[in-house]
Amino acid sequence: MVDAPQGAVFVWCNSRTHYPRELAIRLRRDDLQVVPLAWLHERNVRGCTFAGVVLDHAAHCSIEARMALDYLRYRGFLVESNTTMTGAARPVDEALG
């Protein structure tokens, strides 16, 4: 979360987003848009512009979510997954692979 691009969408691992929103505020990352994992669907990303999309390390993606991530990559958007140890971002393929 700390290393997410300015204005990025941060996809949390479930629908309970109170904690990550509070965490973003404490980390002074109120620029992030924290959304639940169910948001990650092509209907929510098609035609939109994003500074980046960061997927929580604990997220288990459905087929629809993976299709949305593929669509975002195809459009040239930065798509990353965070890690628990360092807070650094790494490519989603590495995190999901």
PDB file of N, CA and C in Angstrom:
ATOM      1  N   MET A   1       0.826  -1.191   0.000  1.00  0.00           N
ATOM      2  CA  MET A   1       0.000   0.000   0.000  1.00  0.00           C
ATOM      3  C   MET A   1       0.871   1.255   0.000  1.00  0.00           C
ATOM      4  N   VAL A   2       1.953   1.196   0.739  1.00  0.00           N
ATOM      5  CA  VAL A   2       2.853   2.344   0.816  1.00  0.00           C
ATOM      6  C   VAL A   2       3.430   2.671  -0.558  1.00  0.00           C
ATOM      7  N   ASP A   3       3.786   1.636  -1.317  1.00  0.00           N
ATOM      8  CA  ASP A   3       4.454   1.830  -2.600  1.00  0.00           C
ATOM      9  C   ASP A   3       3.513   1.902  -3.800  1.00  0.00           C
ATOM     10  N   ALA A   4       2.215   1.890  -3.558  1.00  0.00           N
ATOM     11  CA  ALA A   4       1.255   1.956  -4.664  1.00  0.00           C
ATOM     12  C   ALA A   4       1.396   3.293  -5.395  1.00  0.00           C
ATOM     13  N   PRO A   5       1.157   3.283  -6.708  1.00  0.00           N
ATOM     14  CA  PRO A   5       1.212   4.542  -7.448  1.00  0.00           C
ATOM     15  C   PRO A   5       0.198   5.553  -6.906  1.00  0.00           C
ATOM     16  N   GLN A   6       0.510   6.814  -7.006  1.00  0.00           N
ATOM     17  CA  GLN A   6      -0.380   7.884  -6.564  1.00  0.00           C
ATOM     18  C   GLN A   6      -1.723   7.741  -7.274  1.00  0.00           C
ATOM     19  N   GLY A   7      -2.815   7.696  -6.512  1.00  0.00           N
ATOM     20  CA  GLY A   7      -4.153   7.628  -7.093  1.00  0.00           C
ATOM     21  C   GLY A   7      -4.577   6.248  -7.562  1.00  0.00           C
ATOM     22  N   ALA A   8      -3.857   5.218  -7.180  1.00  0.00           N
ATOM     23  CA  ALA A   8      -4.163   3.862  -7.630  1.00  0.00           C
ATOM     24  C   ALA A   8      -5.407   3.299  -6.955  1.00  0.00           C
ATOM     25  N   VAL A   9      -5.923   2.241  -7.555  1.00  0.00           N
ATOM     26  CA  VAL A   9      -6.995   1.462  -6.951  1.00  0.00           C
ATOM     27  C   VAL A   9      -6.321   0.328  -6.187  1.00  0.00           C
ATOM     28  N   PHE A  10      -6.690   0.157  -4.927  1.00  0.00           N
ATOM     29  CA  PHE A  10      -6.143  -0.924  -4.103  1.00  0.00           C
ATOM     30  C   PHE A  10      -7.259  -1.933  -3.883  1.00  0.00           C
ATOM     31  N   VAL A  11      -7.100  -3.129  -4.454  1.00  0.00           N
ATOM     32  CA  VAL A  11      -8.125  -4.169  -4.370  1.00  0.00           C
ATOM     33  C   VAL A  11      -7.840  -5.034  -3.144  1.00  0.00           C
ATOM     34  N   TRP A  12      -8.736  -4.952  -2.152  1.00  0.00           N
ATOM     35  CA  TRP A  12      -8.590  -5.706  -0.916  1.00  0.00           C
ATOM     36  C   TRP A  12      -9.032  -7.145  -1.143  1.00  0.00           C
ATOM     37  N   CYS A  13      -8.598  -8.041  -0.268  1.00  0.00           N
ATOM     38  CA  CYS A  13      -8.796  -9.477  -0.459  1.00  0.00           C
ATOM     39  C   CYS A  13     -10.216  -9.968  -0.183  1.00  0.00           C
ATOM     40  N   ASN A  14     -11.076  -9.141   0.396  1.00  0.00           N
ATOM     41  CA  ASN A  14     -12.459  -9.538   0.654  1.00  0.00           C
ATOM     42  C   ASN A  14     -13.340  -8.286   0.648  1.00  0.00           C
ATOM     43  N   SER A  15     -14.565  -8.413   1.157  1.00  0.00           N
ATOM     44  CA  SER A  15     -15.500  -7.289   1.099  1.00  0.00           C
ATOM     45  C   SER A  15     -15.425  -6.372   2.314  1.00  0.00           C
ATOM     46  N   ARG A  16     -14.651  -6.733   3.321  1.00  0.00           N
ATOM     47  CA  ARG A  16     -14.533  -5.906   4.530  1.00  0.00           C
ATOM     48  C   ARG A  16     -13.397  -4.901   4.351  1.00  0.00           C
ATOM     49  N   THR A  17     -13.722  -3.731   3.888  1.00  0.00           N
ATOM     50  CA  THR A  17     -12.702  -2.753   3.522  1.00  0.00           C
ATOM     51  C   THR A  17     -12.468  -1.674   4.580  1.00  0.00           C
ATOM     52  N   HIS A  18     -13.102  -1.789   5.722  1.00  0.00           N
ATOM     53  CA  HIS A  18     -12.900  -0.769   6.760  1.00  0.00           C
ATOM     54  C   HIS A  18     -11.423  -0.696   7.183  1.00  0.00           C
ATOM     55  N   TYR A  19     -10.832  -1.848   7.491  1.00  0.00           N
ATOM     56  CA  TYR A  19      -9.428  -1.871   7.927  1.00  0.00           C
ATOM     57  C   TYR A  19      -8.478  -1.291   6.877  1.00  0.00           C
ATOM     58  N   PRO A  20      -8.518  -1.743   5.610  1.00  0.00           N
ATOM     59  CA  PRO A  20      -7.565  -1.169   4.652  1.00  0.00           C
ATOM     60  C   PRO A  20      -7.779   0.321   4.406  1.00  0.00           C
ATOM     61  N   ARG A  21      -9.006   0.793   4.515  1.00  0.00           N
ATOM     62  CA  ARG A  21      -9.249   2.229   4.357  1.00  0.00           C
ATOM     63  C   ARG A  21      -8.640   3.009   5.510  1.00  0.00           C
ATOM     64  N   GLU A  22      -8.793   2.478   6.730  1.00  0.00           N
ATOM     65  CA  GLU A  22      -8.168   3.104   7.898  1.00  0.00           C
ATOM     66  C   GLU A  22      -6.642   3.067   7.781  1.00  0.00           C
ATOM     67  N   LEU A  23      -6.122   1.942   7.319  1.00  0.00           N
ATOM     68  CA  LEU A  23      -4.680   1.803   7.135  1.00  0.00           C
ATOM     69  C   LEU A  23      -4.160   2.814   6.119  1.00  0.00           C
ATOM     70  N   ALA A  24      -4.870   2.969   5.018  1.00  0.00           N
ATOM     71  CA  ALA A  24      -4.464   3.943   3.996  1.00  0.00           C
ATOM     72  C   ALA A  24      -4.396   5.349   4.590  1.00  0.00           C
ATOM     73  N   ILE A  25      -5.364   5.690   5.412  1.00  0.00           N
ATOM     74  CA  ILE A  25      -5.362   7.013   6.046  1.00  0.00           C
ATOM     75  C   ILE A  25      -4.175   7.158   6.984  1.00  0.00           C
ATOM     76  N   ARG A  26      -3.909   6.127   7.781  1.00  0.00           N
ATOM     77  CA  ARG A  26      -2.771   6.179   8.712  1.00  0.00           C
ATOM     78  C   ARG A  26      -1.438   6.263   7.983  1.00  0.00           C
ATOM     79  N   LEU A  27      -1.383   5.663   6.803  1.00  0.00           N
ATOM     80  CA  LEU A  27      -0.162   5.712   6.000  1.00  0.00           C
ATOM     81  C   LEU A  27      -0.096   6.974   5.144  1.00  0.00           C
ATOM     82  N   ARG A  28      -1.075   7.844   5.337  1.00  0.00           N
ATOM     83  CA  ARG A  28      -1.180   9.091   4.560  1.00  0.00           C
ATOM     84  C   ARG A  28      -1.323   8.814   3.065  1.00  0.00           C
ATOM     85  N   ARG A  29      -2.102   7.774   2.774  1.00  0.00           N
ATOM     86  CA  ARG A  29      -2.381   7.392   1.387  1.00  0.00           C
ATOM     87  C   ARG A  29      -3.866   7.536   1.099  1.00  0.00           C
ATOM     88  N   ASP A  30      -4.405   8.713   1.445  1.00  0.00           N
ATOM     89  CA  ASP A  30      -5.819   8.948   1.191  1.00  0.00           C
ATOM     90  C   ASP A  30      -6.113   9.146  -0.298  1.00  0.00           C
ATOM     91  N   ASP A  31      -5.073   9.102  -1.121  1.00  0.00           N
ATOM     92  CA  ASP A  31      -5.234   9.158  -2.563  1.00  0.00           C
ATOM     93  C   ASP A  31      -5.693   7.821  -3.137  1.00  0.00           C
ATOM     94  N   LEU A  32      -5.521   6.741  -2.379  1.00  0.00           N
ATOM     95  CA  LEU A  32      -5.875   5.410  -2.869  1.00  0.00           C
ATOM     96  C   LEU A  32      -7.380   5.188  -2.822  1.00  0.00           C
ATOM     97  N   GLN A  33      -7.871   4.497  -3.818  1.00  0.00           N
ATOM     98  CA  GLN A  33      -9.274   4.085  -3.828  1.00  0.00           C
ATOM     99  C   GLN A  33      -9.283   2.615  -3.408  1.00  0.00           C
ATOM    100  N   VAL A  34      -9.723   2.326  -2.194  1.00  0.00           N
ATOM    101  CA  VAL A  34      -9.752   0.955  -1.681  1.00  0.00           C
ATOM    102  C   VAL A  34     -11.091   0.332  -2.046  1.00  0.00           C
ATOM    103  N   VAL A  35     -11.040  -0.801  -2.735  1.00  0.00           N
ATOM    104  CA  VAL A  35     -12.260  -1.476  -3.187  1.00  0.00           C
ATOM    105  C   VAL A  35     -12.213  -2.947  -2.780  1.00  0.00           C
ATOM    106  N   PRO A  36     -13.381  -3.585  -2.646  1.00  0.00           N
ATOM    107  CA  PRO A  36     -13.403  -5.011  -2.315  1.00  0.00           C
ATOM    108  C   PRO A  36     -13.025  -5.859  -3.531  1.00  0.00           C
ATOM    109  N   LEU A  37     -12.633  -7.092  -3.280  1.00  0.00           N
ATOM    110  CA  LEU A  37     -12.233  -8.003  -4.358  1.00  0.00           C
ATOM    111  C   LEU A  37     -13.348  -8.181  -5.389  1.00  0.00           C
ATOM    112  N   ALA A  38     -14.601  -8.191  -4.938  1.00  0.00           N
ATOM    113  CA  ALA A  38     -15.733  -8.360  -5.863  1.00  0.00           C
ATOM    114  C   ALA A  38     -15.805  -7.246  -6.906  1.00  0.00           C
ATOM    115  N   TRP A  39     -15.182  -6.095  -6.630  1.00  0.00           N
ATOM    116  CA  TRP A  39     -15.167  -4.981  -7.584  1.00  0.00           C
ATOM    117  C   TRP A  39     -14.368  -5.329  -8.836  1.00  0.00           C
ATOM    118  N   LEU A  40     -13.392  -6.222  -8.688  1.00  0.00           N
ATOM    119  CA  LEU A  40     -12.476  -6.529  -9.787  1.00  0.00           C
ATOM    120  C   LEU A  40     -13.186  -7.383 -10.834  1.00  0.00           C
ATOM    121  N   HIS A  41     -13.895  -6.711 -11.697  1.00  0.00           N
ATOM    122  CA  HIS A  41     -14.673  -7.342 -12.760  1.00  0.00           C
ATOM    123  C   HIS A  41     -14.572  -6.437 -13.980  1.00  0.00           C
ATOM    124  N   GLU A  42     -14.571  -7.037 -15.133  1.00  0.00           N
ATOM    125  CA  GLU A  42     -14.386  -6.256 -16.359  1.00  0.00           C
ATOM    126  C   GLU A  42     -15.407  -5.122 -16.501  1.00  0.00           C
ATOM    127  N   ARG A  43     -16.618  -5.329 -16.026  1.00  0.00           N
ATOM    128  CA  ARG A  43     -17.643  -4.270 -16.150  1.00  0.00           C
ATOM    129  C   ARG A  43     -17.259  -3.013 -15.352  1.00  0.00           C
ATOM    130  N   ASN A  44     -16.414  -3.167 -14.331  1.00  0.00           N
ATOM    131  CA  ASN A  44     -16.001  -2.028 -13.513  1.00  0.00           C
ATOM    132  C   ASN A  44     -14.729  -1.349 -14.014  1.00  0.00           C
ATOM    133  N   VAL A  45     -14.019  -1.978 -14.927  1.00  0.00           N
ATOM    134  CA  VAL A  45     -12.766  -1.392 -15.395  1.00  0.00           C
ATOM    135  C   VAL A  45     -12.807  -0.989 -16.863  1.00  0.00           C
ATOM    136  N   ARG A  46     -13.746  -1.539 -17.611  1.00  0.00           N
ATOM    137  CA  ARG A  46     -13.827  -1.242 -19.047  1.00  0.00           C
ATOM    138  C   ARG A  46     -14.060   0.251 -19.268  1.00  0.00           C
ATOM    139  N   GLY A  47     -13.198   0.843 -20.069  1.00  0.00           N
ATOM    140  CA  GLY A  47     -13.331   2.249 -20.423  1.00  0.00           C
ATOM    141  C   GLY A  47     -12.850   3.235 -19.369  1.00  0.00           C
ATOM    142  N   CYS A  48     -12.350   2.739 -18.258  1.00  0.00           N
ATOM    143  CA  CYS A  48     -11.876   3.612 -17.178  1.00  0.00           C
ATOM    144  C   CYS A  48     -10.367   3.805 -17.276  1.00  0.00           C
ATOM    145  N   THR A  49      -9.893   4.852 -16.653  1.00  0.00           N
ATOM    146  CA  THR A  49      -8.466   5.135 -16.596  1.00  0.00           C
ATOM    147  C   THR A  49      -8.010   5.033 -15.150  1.00  0.00           C
ATOM    148  N   PHE A  50      -6.893   4.359 -14.934  1.00  0.00           N
ATOM    149  CA  PHE A  50      -6.369   4.146 -13.592  1.00  0.00           C
ATOM    150  C   PHE A  50      -4.894   4.515 -13.543  1.00  0.00           C
ATOM    151  N   ALA A  51      -4.464   5.073 -12.415  1.00  0.00           N
ATOM    152  CA  ALA A  51      -3.039   5.340 -12.201  1.00  0.00           C
ATOM    153  C   ALA A  51      -2.307   4.019 -11.983  1.00  0.00           C
ATOM    154  N   GLY A  52      -3.035   3.016 -11.567  1.00  0.00           N
ATOM    155  CA  GLY A  52      -2.504   1.688 -11.315  1.00  0.00           C
ATOM    156  C   GLY A  52      -3.517   0.899 -10.522  1.00  0.00           C
ATOM    157  N   VAL A  53      -3.352  -0.403 -10.515  1.00  0.00           N
ATOM    158  CA  VAL A  53      -4.210  -1.284  -9.737  1.00  0.00           C
ATOM    159  C   VAL A  53      -3.294  -2.174  -8.920  1.00  0.00           C
ATOM    160  N   VAL A  54      -3.490  -2.154  -7.604  1.00  0.00           N
ATOM    161  CA  VAL A  54      -2.686  -2.972  -6.698  1.00  0.00           C
ATOM    162  C   VAL A  54      -3.611  -3.998  -6.059  1.00  0.00           C
ATOM    163  N   LEU A  55      -3.246  -5.256  -6.186  1.00  0.00           N
ATOM    164  CA  LEU A  55      -4.033  -6.368  -5.668  1.00  0.00           C
ATOM    165  C   LEU A  55      -3.433  -6.825  -4.352  1.00  0.00           C
ATOM    166  N   ASP A  56      -4.254  -6.914  -3.299  1.00  0.00           N
ATOM    167  CA  ASP A  56      -3.769  -7.375  -2.005  1.00  0.00           C
ATOM    168  C   ASP A  56      -3.183  -8.774  -2.136  1.00  0.00           C
ATOM    169  N   HIS A  57      -2.111  -9.029  -1.396  1.00  0.00           N
ATOM    170  CA  HIS A  57      -1.393 -10.302  -1.489  1.00  0.00           C
ATOM    171  C   HIS A  57      -2.263 -11.505  -1.125  1.00  0.00           C
ATOM    172  N   ALA A  58      -3.308 -11.322  -0.335  1.00  0.00           N
ATOM    173  CA  ALA A  58      -4.151 -12.436   0.100  1.00  0.00           C
ATOM    174  C   ALA A  58      -5.368 -12.655  -0.796  1.00  0.00           C
ATOM    175  N   ALA A  59      -5.490 -11.877  -1.844  1.00  0.00           N
ATOM    176  CA  ALA A  59      -6.645 -11.996  -2.728  1.00  0.00           C
ATOM    177  C   ALA A  59      -6.553 -13.266  -3.577  1.00  0.00           C
ATOM    178  N   HIS A  60      -7.653 -13.991  -3.643  1.00  0.00           N
ATOM    179  CA  HIS A  60      -7.766 -15.169  -4.509  1.00  0.00           C
ATOM    180  C   HIS A  60      -8.737 -14.793  -5.618  1.00  0.00           C
ATOM    181  N   CYS A  61      -8.205 -14.648  -6.809  1.00  0.00           N
ATOM    182  CA  CYS A  61      -8.985 -14.118  -7.926  1.00  0.00           C
ATOM    183  C   CYS A  61      -9.840 -15.173  -8.609  1.00  0.00           C
ATOM    184  N   SER A  62     -11.060 -14.769  -8.914  1.00  0.00           N
ATOM    185  CA  SER A  62     -11.962 -15.585  -9.717  1.00  0.00           C
ATOM    186  C   SER A  62     -11.547 -15.463 -11.185  1.00  0.00           C
ATOM    187  N   ILE A  63     -12.167 -16.244 -12.021  1.00  0.00           N
ATOM    188  CA  ILE A  63     -11.920 -16.141 -13.471  1.00  0.00           C
ATOM    189  C   ILE A  63     -12.252 -14.728 -13.951  1.00  0.00           C
ATOM    190  N   GLU A  64     -13.368 -14.166 -13.476  1.00  0.00           N
ATOM    191  CA  GLU A  64     -13.774 -12.823 -13.885  1.00  0.00           C
ATOM    192  C   GLU A  64     -12.739 -11.779 -13.462  1.00  0.00           C
ATOM    193  N   ALA A  65     -12.208 -11.933 -12.258  1.00  0.00           N
ATOM    194  CA  ALA A  65     -11.191 -10.990 -11.779  1.00  0.00           C
ATOM    195  C   ALA A  65      -9.923 -11.090 -12.611  1.00  0.00           C
ATOM    196  N   ARG A  66      -9.525 -12.313 -12.933  1.00  0.00           N
ATOM    197  CA  ARG A  66      -8.335 -12.485 -13.784  1.00  0.00           C
ATOM    198  C   ARG A  66      -8.542 -11.896 -15.169  1.00  0.00           C
ATOM    199  N   MET A  67      -9.752 -12.035 -15.692  1.00  0.00           N
ATOM    200  CA  MET A  67     -10.054 -11.437 -16.994  1.00  0.00           C
ATOM    201  C   MET A  67      -9.956  -9.917 -16.919  1.00  0.00           C
ATOM    202  N   ALA A  68     -10.423  -9.343 -15.817  1.00  0.00           N
ATOM    203  CA  ALA A  68     -10.329  -7.882 -15.636  1.00  0.00           C
ATOM    204  C   ALA A  68      -8.870  -7.454 -15.558  1.00  0.00           C
ATOM    205  N   LEU A  69      -8.046  -8.215 -14.831  1.00  0.00           N
ATOM    206  CA  LEU A  69      -6.618  -7.905 -14.742  1.00  0.00           C
ATOM    207  C   LEU A  69      -5.950  -8.006 -16.110  1.00  0.00           C
ATOM    208  N   ASP A  70      -6.296  -9.036 -16.878  1.00  0.00           N
ATOM    209  CA  ASP A  70      -5.751  -9.182 -18.229  1.00  0.00           C
ATOM    210  C   ASP A  70      -6.156  -8.008 -19.109  1.00  0.00           C
ATOM    211  N   TYR A  71      -7.411  -7.580 -18.989  1.00  0.00           N
ATOM    212  CA  TYR A  71      -7.893  -6.438 -19.753  1.00  0.00           C
ATOM    213  C   TYR A  71      -7.100  -5.178 -19.397  1.00  0.00           C
ATOM    214  N   LEU A  72      -6.872  -4.971 -18.097  1.00  0.00           N
ATOM    215  CA  LEU A  72      -6.105  -3.801 -17.662  1.00  0.00           C
ATOM    216  C   LEU A  72      -4.678  -3.846 -18.191  1.00  0.00           C
ATOM    217  N   ARG A  73      -4.048  -5.009 -18.139  1.00  0.00           N
ATOM    218  CA  ARG A  73      -2.682  -5.150 -18.684  1.00  0.00           C
ATOM    219  C   ARG A  73      -2.671  -4.862 -20.184  1.00  0.00           C
ATOM    220  N   TYR A  74      -3.662  -5.395 -20.889  1.00  0.00           N
ATOM    221  CA  TYR A  74      -3.764  -5.187 -22.334  1.00  0.00           C
ATOM    222  C   TYR A  74      -3.851  -3.701 -22.648  1.00  0.00           C
ATOM    223  N   ARG A  75      -4.572  -2.959 -21.811  1.00  0.00           N
ATOM    224  CA  ARG A  75      -4.705  -1.513 -22.011  1.00  0.00           C
ATOM    225  C   ARG A  75      -3.483  -0.740 -21.546  1.00  0.00           C
ATOM    226  N   GLY A  76      -2.501  -1.431 -20.966  1.00  0.00           N
ATOM    227  CA  GLY A  76      -1.249  -0.791 -20.602  1.00  0.00           C
ATOM    228  C   GLY A  76      -1.195  -0.226 -19.197  1.00  0.00           C
ATOM    229  N   PHE A  77      -2.157  -0.579 -18.343  1.00  0.00           N
ATOM    230  CA  PHE A  77      -2.145  -0.083 -16.972  1.00  0.00           C
ATOM    231  C   PHE A  77      -1.212  -0.913 -16.108  1.00  0.00           C
ATOM    232  N   LEU A  78      -0.612  -0.260 -15.146  1.00  0.00           N
ATOM    233  CA  LEU A  78       0.241  -0.915 -14.176  1.00  0.00           C
ATOM    234  C   LEU A  78      -0.640  -1.760 -13.263  1.00  0.00           C
ATOM    235  N   VAL A  79      -0.365  -3.066 -13.206  1.00  0.00           N
ATOM    236  CA  VAL A  79      -1.109  -3.988 -12.352  1.00  0.00           C
ATOM    237  C   VAL A  79      -0.097  -4.718 -11.496  1.00  0.00           C
ATOM    238  N   GLU A  80      -0.209  -4.559 -10.156  1.00  0.00           N
ATOM    239  CA  GLU A  80       0.762  -5.137  -9.239  1.00  0.00           C
ATOM    240  C   GLU A  80       0.066  -5.801  -8.066  1.00  0.00           C
ATOM    241  N   SER A  81       0.827  -6.627  -7.353  1.00  0.00           N
ATOM    242  CA  SER A  81       0.355  -7.205  -6.100  1.00  0.00           C
ATOM    243  C   SER A  81       1.294  -6.742  -5.000  1.00  0.00           C
ATOM    244  N   ASN A  82       0.734  -6.477  -3.813  1.00  0.00           N
ATOM    245  CA  ASN A  82       1.604  -6.074  -2.709  1.00  0.00           C
ATOM    246  C   ASN A  82       2.123  -7.318  -1.976  1.00  0.00           C
ATOM    247  N   THR A  83       3.090  -7.130  -1.115  1.00  0.00           N
ATOM    248  CA  THR A  83       3.608  -8.236  -0.307  1.00  0.00           C
ATOM    249  C   THR A  83       3.541  -7.857   1.162  1.00  0.00           C
ATOM    250  N   THR A  84       3.414  -8.834   2.026  1.00  0.00           N
ATOM    251  CA  THR A  84       3.282  -8.550   3.452  1.00  0.00           C
ATOM    252  C   THR A  84       4.621  -8.241   4.096  1.00  0.00           C
ATOM    253  N   MET A  85       5.689  -8.778   3.597  1.00  0.00           N
ATOM    254  CA  MET A  85       6.981  -8.633   4.268  1.00  0.00           C
ATOM    255  C   MET A  85       7.575  -7.232   4.105  1.00  0.00           C
ATOM    256  N   THR A  86       7.515  -6.687   2.906  1.00  0.00           N
ATOM    257  CA  THR A  86       8.215  -5.435   2.658  1.00  0.00           C
ATOM    258  C   THR A  86       7.293  -4.269   2.340  1.00  0.00           C
ATOM    259  N   GLY A  87       6.060  -4.555   1.976  1.00  0.00           N
ATOM    260  CA  GLY A  87       5.161  -3.494   1.532  1.00  0.00           C
ATOM    261  C   GLY A  87       5.438  -3.101   0.093  1.00  0.00           C
ATOM    262  N   ALA A  88       6.453  -3.707  -0.513  1.00  0.00           N
ATOM    263  CA  ALA A  88       6.792  -3.393  -1.896  1.00  0.00           C
ATOM    264  C   ALA A  88       5.816  -4.075  -2.840  1.00  0.00           C
ATOM    265  N   ALA A  89       5.699  -3.531  -4.005  1.00  0.00           N
ATOM    266  CA  ALA A  89       4.815  -4.123  -5.003  1.00  0.00           C
ATOM    267  C   ALA A  89       5.612  -5.067  -5.886  1.00  0.00           C
ATOM    268  N   ARG A  90       4.947  -6.086  -6.405  1.00  0.00           N
ATOM    269  CA  ARG A  90       5.571  -6.997  -7.350  1.00  0.00           C
ATOM    270  C   ARG A  90       4.524  -7.379  -8.402  1.00  0.00           C
ATOM    271  N   PRO A  91       4.943  -7.891  -9.544  1.00  0.00           N
ATOM    272  CA  PRO A  91       3.988  -8.207 -10.596  1.00  0.00           C
ATOM    273  C   PRO A  91       2.935  -9.218 -10.137  1.00  0.00           C
ATOM    274  N   VAL A  92       1.702  -9.024 -10.575  1.00  0.00           N
ATOM    275  CA  VAL A  92       0.610  -9.912 -10.202  1.00  0.00           C
ATOM    276  C   VAL A  92       0.888 -11.336 -10.654  1.00  0.00           C
ATOM    277  N   ASP A  93       1.442 -11.541 -11.838  1.00  0.00           N
ATOM    278  CA  ASP A  93       1.716 -12.893 -12.320  1.00  0.00           C
ATOM    279  C   ASP A  93       2.599 -13.659 -11.358  1.00  0.00           C
ATOM    280  N   GLU A  94       3.571 -12.999 -10.797  1.00  0.00           N
ATOM    281  CA  GLU A  94       4.469 -13.639  -9.834  1.00  0.00           C
ATOM    282  C   GLU A  94       3.716 -13.975  -8.549  1.00  0.00           C
ATOM    283  N   ALA A  95       2.841 -13.086  -8.113  1.00  0.00           N
ATOM    284  CA  ALA A  95       2.093 -13.293  -6.874  1.00  0.00           C
ATOM    285  C   ALA A  95       1.041 -14.384  -7.019  1.00  0.00           C
ATOM    286  N   LEU A  96       0.426 -14.473  -8.182  1.00  0.00           N
ATOM    287  CA  LEU A  96      -0.636 -15.448  -8.398  1.00  0.00           C
ATOM    288  C   LEU A  96      -0.115 -16.775  -8.927  1.00  0.00           C
ATOM    289  N   GLY A  97       1.082 -16.741  -9.521  1.00  0.00           N
ATOM    290  CA  GLY A  97       1.640 -17.923 -10.163  1.00  0.00           C
ATOM    291  C   GLY A  97       2.016 -18.946  -9.210  1.00  0.00           C
TER     292      GLY A  97
END
